[in-house]
Amino acid sequence: MSDDAHAKVDEMLDEIQVKHFEMAGMIGEYRTMLLKLQNEHDDQSVSLAQGLPGARYHVASKYVDEQWKVLSAQLKSLYGGS
């Protein structure tokens, strides 16, 4: 694999890893939000807990999935294969 192609694959892996760290942080934030809801909750907080964190996580998860597809295509273009 050329140095440029290797660098591109390595960069993509870095991006995927960073996104996973961000997703782990989202889970931590969601846990904190749920703990706060146990003690005190209003309609706005409940609505936020029900929708926003899951939506953010879904978008990040979709990004990771798409990056894996791009990475796979990059490797196929370099090495061939099905």
PDB file of N, CA and C in Angstrom:
ATOM      1  N   MET A   1       0.855  -1.171   0.000  1.00  0.00           N
ATOM      2  CA  MET A   1       0.000   0.000   0.000  1.00  0.00           C
ATOM      3  C   MET A   1       0.899   1.231   0.000  1.00  0.00           C
ATOM      4  N   SER A   2       0.559   2.205  -0.835  1.00  0.00           N
ATOM      5  CA  SER A   2       1.357   3.428  -0.891  1.00  0.00           C
ATOM      6  C   SER A   2       1.251   4.177   0.435  1.00  0.00           C
ATOM      7  N   ASP A   3       2.223   5.051   0.654  1.00  0.00           N
ATOM      8  CA  ASP A   3       2.214   5.837   1.892  1.00  0.00           C
ATOM      9  C   ASP A   3       0.969   6.714   1.989  1.00  0.00           C
ATOM     10  N   ASP A   4       0.550   7.333   0.861  1.00  0.00           N
ATOM     11  CA  ASP A   4      -0.646   8.174   0.874  1.00  0.00           C
ATOM     12  C   ASP A   4      -1.896   7.368   1.179  1.00  0.00           C
ATOM     13  N   ALA A   5      -2.013   6.207   0.552  1.00  0.00           N
ATOM     14  CA  ALA A   5      -3.188   5.362   0.781  1.00  0.00           C
ATOM     15  C   ALA A   5      -3.201   4.862   2.223  1.00  0.00           C
ATOM     16  N   HIS A   6      -2.027   4.496   2.737  1.00  0.00           N
ATOM     17  CA  HIS A   6      -1.939   4.043   4.126  1.00  0.00           C
ATOM     18  C   HIS A   6      -2.332   5.165   5.076  1.00  0.00           C
ATOM     19  N   ALA A   7      -1.863   6.363   4.782  1.00  0.00           N
ATOM     20  CA  ALA A   7      -2.198   7.517   5.629  1.00  0.00           C
ATOM     21  C   ALA A   7      -3.700   7.782   5.606  1.00  0.00           C
ATOM     22  N   LYS A   8      -4.341   7.638   4.446  1.00  0.00           N
ATOM     23  CA  LYS A   8      -5.785   7.855   4.338  1.00  0.00           C
ATOM     24  C   LYS A   8      -6.543   6.825   5.181  1.00  0.00           C
ATOM     25  N   VAL A   9      -6.162   5.555   5.080  1.00  0.00           N
ATOM     26  CA  VAL A   9      -6.811   4.504   5.866  1.00  0.00           C
ATOM     27  C   VAL A   9      -6.593   4.760   7.356  1.00  0.00           C
ATOM     28  N   ASP A  10      -5.395   5.126   7.734  1.00  0.00           N
ATOM     29  CA  ASP A  10      -5.090   5.402   9.136  1.00  0.00           C
ATOM     30  C   ASP A  10      -5.905   6.595   9.646  1.00  0.00           C
ATOM     31  N   GLU A  11      -6.041   7.616   8.809  1.00  0.00           N
ATOM     32  CA  GLU A  11      -6.841   8.785   9.184  1.00  0.00           C
ATOM     33  C   GLU A  11      -8.309   8.396   9.383  1.00  0.00           C
ATOM     34  N   MET A  12      -8.822   7.551   8.513  1.00  0.00           N
ATOM     35  CA  MET A  12     -10.206   7.103   8.642  1.00  0.00           C
ATOM     36  C   MET A  12     -10.405   6.303   9.930  1.00  0.00           C
ATOM     37  N   LEU A  13      -9.444   5.465  10.265  1.00  0.00           N
ATOM     38  CA  LEU A  13      -9.527   4.704  11.517  1.00  0.00           C
ATOM     39  C   LEU A  13      -9.509   5.641  12.726  1.00  0.00           C
ATOM     40  N   ASP A  14      -8.691   6.677  12.650  1.00  0.00           N
ATOM     41  CA  ASP A  14      -8.676   7.684  13.727  1.00  0.00           C
ATOM     42  C   ASP A  14     -10.043   8.341  13.880  1.00  0.00           C
ATOM     43  N   GLU A  15     -10.658   8.705  12.751  1.00  0.00           N
ATOM     44  CA  GLU A  15     -11.972   9.346  12.794  1.00  0.00           C
ATOM     45  C   GLU A  15     -13.019   8.429  13.423  1.00  0.00           C
ATOM     46  N   ILE A  16     -12.973   7.162  13.065  1.00  0.00           N
ATOM     47  CA  ILE A  16     -13.913   6.185  13.631  1.00  0.00           C
ATOM     48  C   ILE A  16     -13.687   6.049  15.130  1.00  0.00           C
ATOM     49  N   GLN A  17     -12.436   5.989  15.536  1.00  0.00           N
ATOM     50  CA  GLN A  17     -12.118   5.854  16.956  1.00  0.00           C
ATOM     51  C   GLN A  17     -12.594   7.068  17.746  1.00  0.00           C
ATOM     52  N   VAL A  18     -12.362   8.253  17.220  1.00  0.00           N
ATOM     53  CA  VAL A  18     -12.811   9.478  17.890  1.00  0.00           C
ATOM     54  C   VAL A  18     -14.323   9.481  18.022  1.00  0.00           C
ATOM     55  N   LYS A  19     -15.021   9.072  16.965  1.00  0.00           N
ATOM     56  CA  LYS A  19     -16.483   9.055  17.011  1.00  0.00           C
ATOM     57  C   LYS A  19     -16.971   8.081  18.076  1.00  0.00           C
ATOM     58  N   HIS A  20     -16.296   6.943  18.219  1.00  0.00           N
ATOM     59  CA  HIS A  20     -16.677   5.991  19.267  1.00  0.00           C
ATOM     60  C   HIS A  20     -16.481   6.594  20.664  1.00  0.00           C
ATOM     61  N   PHE A  21     -15.394   7.338  20.863  1.00  0.00           N
ATOM     62  CA  PHE A  21     -15.187   8.015  22.139  1.00  0.00           C
ATOM     63  C   PHE A  21     -16.307   9.026  22.394  1.00  0.00           C
ATOM     64  N   GLU A  22     -16.688   9.763  21.341  1.00  0.00           N
ATOM     65  CA  GLU A  22     -17.781  10.724  21.480  1.00  0.00           C
ATOM     66  C   GLU A  22     -19.082  10.007  21.842  1.00  0.00           C
ATOM     67  N   MET A  23     -19.331   8.868  21.221  1.00  0.00           N
ATOM     68  CA  MET A  23     -20.551   8.103  21.504  1.00  0.00           C
ATOM     69  C   MET A  23     -20.542   7.602  22.948  1.00  0.00           C
ATOM     70  N   ALA A  24     -19.387   7.188  23.428  1.00  0.00           N
ATOM     71  CA  ALA A  24     -19.285   6.759  24.829  1.00  0.00           C
ATOM     72  C   ALA A  24     -19.596   7.934  25.756  1.00  0.00           C
ATOM     73  N   GLY A  25     -19.125   9.120  25.393  1.00  0.00           N
ATOM     74  CA  GLY A  25     -19.434  10.315  26.172  1.00  0.00           C
ATOM     75  C   GLY A  25     -20.924  10.615  26.186  1.00  0.00           C
ATOM     76  N   MET A  26     -21.580  10.389  25.043  1.00  0.00           N
ATOM     77  CA  MET A  26     -23.026  10.594  24.970  1.00  0.00           C
ATOM     78  C   MET A  26     -23.760   9.670  25.934  1.00  0.00           C
ATOM     79  N   ILE A  27     -23.306   8.450  26.027  1.00  0.00           N
ATOM     80  CA  ILE A  27     -23.926   7.501  26.958  1.00  0.00           C
ATOM     81  C   ILE A  27     -23.747   7.988  28.390  1.00  0.00           C
ATOM     82  N   GLY A  28     -22.561   8.494  28.711  1.00  0.00           N
ATOM     83  CA  GLY A  28     -22.317   9.052  30.039  1.00  0.00           C
ATOM     84  C   GLY A  28     -23.227  10.235  30.331  1.00  0.00           C
ATOM     85  N   GLU A  29     -23.390  11.114  29.342  1.00  0.00           N
ATOM     86  CA  GLU A  29     -24.284  12.264  29.509  1.00  0.00           C
ATOM     87  C   GLU A  29     -25.725  11.798  29.709  1.00  0.00           C
ATOM     88  N   TYR A  30     -26.115  10.790  28.983  1.00  0.00           N
ATOM     89  CA  TYR A  30     -27.470  10.271  29.099  1.00  0.00           C
ATOM     90  C   TYR A  30     -27.707   9.670  30.485  1.00  0.00           C
ATOM     91  N   ARG A  31     -26.718   8.959  30.995  1.00  0.00           N
ATOM     92  CA  ARG A  31     -26.831   8.412  32.360  1.00  0.00           C
ATOM     93  C   ARG A  31     -27.020   9.529  33.374  1.00  0.00           C
ATOM     94  N   THR A  32     -26.227  10.578  33.233  1.00  0.00           N
ATOM     95  CA  THR A  32     -26.334  11.723  34.137  1.00  0.00           C
ATOM     96  C   THR A  32     -27.721  12.344  34.050  1.00  0.00           C
ATOM     97  N   MET A  33     -28.221  12.489  32.834  1.00  0.00           N
ATOM     98  CA  MET A  33     -29.546  13.045  32.634  1.00  0.00           C
ATOM     99  C   MET A  33     -30.613  12.179  33.316  1.00  0.00           C
ATOM    100  N   LEU A  34     -30.499  10.871  33.193  1.00  0.00           N
ATOM    101  CA  LEU A  34     -31.470   9.972  33.812  1.00  0.00           C
ATOM    102  C   LEU A  34     -31.400  10.015  35.331  1.00  0.00           C
ATOM    103  N   LEU A  35     -30.194  10.145  35.870  1.00  0.00           N
ATOM    104  CA  LEU A  35     -30.063  10.281  37.325  1.00  0.00           C
ATOM    105  C   LEU A  35     -30.743  11.550  37.823  1.00  0.00           C
ATOM    106  N   LYS A  36     -30.585  12.640  37.077  1.00  0.00           N
ATOM    107  CA  LYS A  36     -31.239  13.895  37.457  1.00  0.00           C
ATOM    108  C   LYS A  36     -32.757  13.753  37.388  1.00  0.00           C
ATOM    109  N   LEU A  37     -33.236  13.013  36.405  1.00  0.00           N
ATOM    110  CA  LEU A  37     -34.681  12.811  36.268  1.00  0.00           C
ATOM    111  C   LEU A  37     -35.268  12.027  37.433  1.00  0.00           C
ATOM    112  N   GLN A  38     -34.480  11.152  38.046  1.00  0.00           N
ATOM    113  CA  GLN A  38     -34.964  10.384  39.187  1.00  0.00           C
ATOM    114  C   GLN A  38     -35.314  11.309  40.349  1.00  0.00           C
ATOM    115  N   ASN A  39     -34.547  12.365  40.499  1.00  0.00           N
ATOM    116  CA  ASN A  39     -34.744  13.285  41.615  1.00  0.00           C
ATOM    117  C   ASN A  39     -35.747  14.385  41.318  1.00  0.00           C
ATOM    118  N   GLU A  40     -35.706  14.875  40.115  1.00  0.00           N
ATOM    119  CA  GLU A  40     -36.540  16.023  39.775  1.00  0.00           C
ATOM    120  C   GLU A  40     -36.775  16.017  38.276  1.00  0.00           C
ATOM    121  N   HIS A  41     -38.017  16.089  37.870  1.00  0.00           N
ATOM    122  CA  HIS A  41     -38.278  16.117  36.439  1.00  0.00           C
ATOM    123  C   HIS A  41     -39.467  16.999  36.090  1.00  0.00           C
ATOM    124  N   ASP A  42     -39.329  17.590  34.931  1.00  0.00           N
ATOM    125  CA  ASP A  42     -40.414  18.400  34.374  1.00  0.00           C
ATOM    126  C   ASP A  42     -40.643  17.900  32.944  1.00  0.00           C
ATOM    127  N   ASP A  43     -41.684  18.377  32.319  1.00  0.00           N
ATOM    128  CA  ASP A  43     -42.034  17.889  30.981  1.00  0.00           C
ATOM    129  C   ASP A  43     -40.921  18.105  29.966  1.00  0.00           C
ATOM    130  N   GLN A  44     -40.266  19.247  30.028  1.00  0.00           N
ATOM    131  CA  GLN A  44     -39.196  19.546  29.078  1.00  0.00           C
ATOM    132  C   GLN A  44     -38.018  18.596  29.267  1.00  0.00           C
ATOM    133  N   SER A  45     -37.624  18.331  30.504  1.00  0.00           N
ATOM    134  CA  SER A  45     -36.512  17.412  30.780  1.00  0.00           C
ATOM    135  C   SER A  45     -36.845  16.000  30.338  1.00  0.00           C
ATOM    136  N   VAL A  46     -38.059  15.578  30.589  1.00  0.00           N
ATOM    137  CA  VAL A  46     -38.486  14.236  30.178  1.00  0.00           C
ATOM    138  C   VAL A  46     -38.468  14.126  28.654  1.00  0.00           C
ATOM    139  N   SER A  47     -38.987  15.139  27.980  1.00  0.00           N
ATOM    140  CA  SER A  47     -39.008  15.152  26.519  1.00  0.00           C
ATOM    141  C   SER A  47     -37.599  15.091  25.952  1.00  0.00           C
ATOM    142  N   LEU A  48     -36.704  15.862  26.536  1.00  0.00           N
ATOM    143  CA  LEU A  48     -35.309  15.865  26.104  1.00  0.00           C
ATOM    144  C   LEU A  48     -34.681  14.491  26.315  1.00  0.00           C
ATOM    145  N   ALA A  49     -34.918  13.884  27.461  1.00  0.00           N
ATOM    146  CA  ALA A  49     -34.354  12.572  27.770  1.00  0.00           C
ATOM    147  C   ALA A  49     -34.892  11.493  26.834  1.00  0.00           C
ATOM    148  N   GLN A  50     -36.109  11.664  26.390  1.00  0.00           N
ATOM    149  CA  GLN A  50     -36.711  10.657  25.517  1.00  0.00           C
ATOM    150  C   GLN A  50     -36.245  10.762  24.075  1.00  0.00           C
ATOM    151  N   GLY A  51     -35.829  11.921  23.638  1.00  0.00           N
ATOM    152  CA  GLY A  51     -35.527  12.083  22.226  1.00  0.00           C
ATOM    153  C   GLY A  51     -34.117  12.439  21.843  1.00  0.00           C
ATOM    154  N   LEU A  52     -33.612  13.511  22.398  1.00  0.00           N
ATOM    155  CA  LEU A  52     -32.351  14.067  21.918  1.00  0.00           C
ATOM    156  C   LEU A  52     -31.153  13.129  22.023  1.00  0.00           C
ATOM    157  N   PRO A  53     -30.869  12.540  23.175  1.00  0.00           N
ATOM    158  CA  PRO A  53     -29.657  11.706  23.248  1.00  0.00           C
ATOM    159  C   PRO A  53     -29.682  10.545  22.249  1.00  0.00           C
ATOM    160  N   GLY A  54     -30.821   9.926  22.099  1.00  0.00           N
ATOM    161  CA  GLY A  54     -30.914   8.819  21.146  1.00  0.00           C
ATOM    162  C   GLY A  54     -30.692   9.278  19.716  1.00  0.00           C
ATOM    163  N   ALA A  55     -31.198  10.449  19.392  1.00  0.00           N
ATOM    164  CA  ALA A  55     -31.026  10.989  18.049  1.00  0.00           C
ATOM    165  C   ALA A  55     -29.556  11.306  17.778  1.00  0.00           C
ATOM    166  N   ARG A  56     -28.903  11.934  18.721  1.00  0.00           N
ATOM    167  CA  ARG A  56     -27.469  12.247  18.561  1.00  0.00           C
ATOM    168  C   ARG A  56     -26.657  10.974  18.386  1.00  0.00           C
ATOM    169  N   TYR A  57     -26.973   9.969  19.202  1.00  0.00           N
ATOM    170  CA  TYR A  57     -26.243   8.711  19.123  1.00  0.00           C
ATOM    171  C   TYR A  57     -26.495   8.037  17.779  1.00  0.00           C
ATOM    172  N   HIS A  58     -27.724   8.085  17.310  1.00  0.00           N
ATOM    173  CA  HIS A  58     -28.068   7.462  16.030  1.00  0.00           C
ATOM    174  C   HIS A  58     -27.289   8.114  14.884  1.00  0.00           C
ATOM    175  N   VAL A  59     -27.212   9.431  14.885  1.00  0.00           N
ATOM    176  CA  VAL A  59     -26.466  10.139  13.840  1.00  0.00           C
ATOM    177  C   VAL A  59     -24.987   9.743  13.877  1.00  0.00           C
ATOM    178  N   ALA A  60     -24.413   9.697  15.058  1.00  0.00           N
ATOM    179  CA  ALA A  60     -23.000   9.306  15.190  1.00  0.00           C
ATOM    180  C   ALA A  60     -22.784   7.865  14.752  1.00  0.00           C
ATOM    181  N   SER A  61     -23.707   7.000  15.121  1.00  0.00           N
ATOM    182  CA  SER A  61     -23.613   5.588  14.739  1.00  0.00           C
ATOM    183  C   SER A  61     -23.683   5.431  13.221  1.00  0.00           C
ATOM    184  N   LYS A  62     -24.560   6.197  12.586  1.00  0.00           N
ATOM    185  CA  LYS A  62     -24.695   6.162  11.127  1.00  0.00           C
ATOM    186  C   LYS A  62     -23.405   6.632  10.473  1.00  0.00           C
ATOM    187  N   TYR A  63     -22.788   7.663  11.043  1.00  0.00           N
ATOM    188  CA  TYR A  63     -21.512   8.164  10.521  1.00  0.00           C
ATOM    189  C   TYR A  63     -20.446   7.065  10.574  1.00  0.00           C
ATOM    190  N   VAL A  64     -20.370   6.379  11.696  1.00  0.00           N
ATOM    191  CA  VAL A  64     -19.386   5.307  11.853  1.00  0.00           C
ATOM    192  C   VAL A  64     -19.643   4.205  10.831  1.00  0.00           C
ATOM    193  N   ASP A  65     -20.887   3.827  10.677  1.00  0.00           N
ATOM    194  CA  ASP A  65     -21.247   2.790   9.715  1.00  0.00           C
ATOM    195  C   ASP A  65     -20.817   3.185   8.298  1.00  0.00           C
ATOM    196  N   GLU A  66     -21.085   4.434   7.929  1.00  0.00           N
ATOM    197  CA  GLU A  66     -20.717   4.912   6.592  1.00  0.00           C
ATOM    198  C   GLU A  66     -19.193   4.971   6.422  1.00  0.00           C
ATOM    199  N   GLN A  67     -18.489   5.376   7.477  1.00  0.00           N
ATOM    200  CA  GLN A  67     -17.030   5.416   7.400  1.00  0.00           C
ATOM    201  C   GLN A  67     -16.432   4.025   7.188  1.00  0.00           C
ATOM    202  N   TRP A  68     -17.021   3.016   7.842  1.00  0.00           N
ATOM    203  CA  TRP A  68     -16.543   1.649   7.633  1.00  0.00           C
ATOM    204  C   TRP A  68     -16.743   1.217   6.185  1.00  0.00           C
ATOM    205  N   LYS A  69     -17.842   1.613   5.577  1.00  0.00           N
ATOM    206  CA  LYS A  69     -18.098   1.286   4.165  1.00  0.00           C
ATOM    207  C   LYS A  69     -17.067   1.958   3.264  1.00  0.00           C
ATOM    208  N   VAL A  70     -16.773   3.220   3.539  1.00  0.00           N
ATOM    209  CA  VAL A  70     -15.778   3.947   2.746  1.00  0.00           C
ATOM    210  C   VAL A  70     -14.409   3.305   2.932  1.00  0.00           C
ATOM    211  N   LEU A  71     -14.075   2.956   4.160  1.00  0.00           N
ATOM    212  CA  LEU A  71     -12.793   2.318   4.439  1.00  0.00           C
ATOM    213  C   LEU A  71     -12.689   0.981   3.708  1.00  0.00           C
ATOM    214  N   SER A  72     -13.747   0.210   3.727  1.00  0.00           N
ATOM    215  CA  SER A  72     -13.764  -1.073   3.032  1.00  0.00           C
ATOM    216  C   SER A  72     -13.557  -0.881   1.530  1.00  0.00           C
ATOM    217  N   ALA A  73     -14.220   0.104   0.957  1.00  0.00           N
ATOM    218  CA  ALA A  73     -14.052   0.386  -0.467  1.00  0.00           C
ATOM    219  C   ALA A  73     -12.628   0.829  -0.767  1.00  0.00           C
ATOM    220  N   GLN A  74     -12.056   1.610   0.111  1.00  0.00           N
ATOM    221  CA  GLN A  74     -10.666   2.052  -0.067  1.00  0.00           C
ATOM    222  C   GLN A  74      -9.723   0.850  -0.097  1.00  0.00           C
ATOM    223  N   LEU A  75      -9.927  -0.065   0.835  1.00  0.00           N
ATOM    224  CA  LEU A  75      -9.068  -1.258   0.876  1.00  0.00           C
ATOM    225  C   LEU A  75      -9.275  -2.139  -0.352  1.00  0.00           C
ATOM    226  N   LYS A  76     -10.503  -2.257  -0.820  1.00  0.00           N
ATOM    227  CA  LYS A  76     -10.772  -3.043  -2.034  1.00  0.00           C
ATOM    228  C   LYS A  76     -10.105  -2.420  -3.243  1.00  0.00           C
ATOM    229  N   SER A  77     -10.101  -1.108  -3.317  1.00  0.00           N
ATOM    230  CA  SER A  77      -9.463  -0.453  -4.454  1.00  0.00           C
ATOM    231  C   SER A  77      -7.946  -0.637  -4.422  1.00  0.00           C
ATOM    232  N   LEU A  78      -7.407  -0.781  -3.224  1.00  0.00           N
ATOM    233  CA  LEU A  78      -5.964  -0.977  -3.097  1.00  0.00           C
ATOM    234  C   LEU A  78      -5.542  -2.417  -3.341  1.00  0.00           C
ATOM    235  N   TYR A  79      -6.345  -3.343  -2.837  1.00  0.00           N
ATOM    236  CA  TYR A  79      -5.943  -4.747  -2.849  1.00  0.00           C
ATOM    237  C   TYR A  79      -6.836  -5.656  -3.671  1.00  0.00           C
ATOM    238  N   GLY A  80      -7.937  -5.117  -4.169  1.00  0.00           N
ATOM    239  CA  GLY A  80      -8.885  -5.956  -4.905  1.00  0.00           C
ATOM    240  C   GLY A  80      -9.721  -6.756  -3.930  1.00  0.00           C
ATOM    241  N   GLY A  81     -10.496  -7.668  -4.441  1.00  0.00           N
ATOM    242  CA  GLY A  81     -11.329  -8.500  -3.577  1.00  0.00           C
ATOM    243  C   GLY A  81     -12.784  -8.187  -3.769  1.00  0.00           C
ATOM    244  N   SER A  82     -13.594  -9.014  -3.129  1.00  0.00           N
ATOM    245  CA  SER A  82     -15.051  -8.862  -3.306  1.00  0.00           C
ATOM    246  C   SER A  82     -15.674  -8.016  -2.238  1.00  0.00           C
TER     247      SER A  82
END
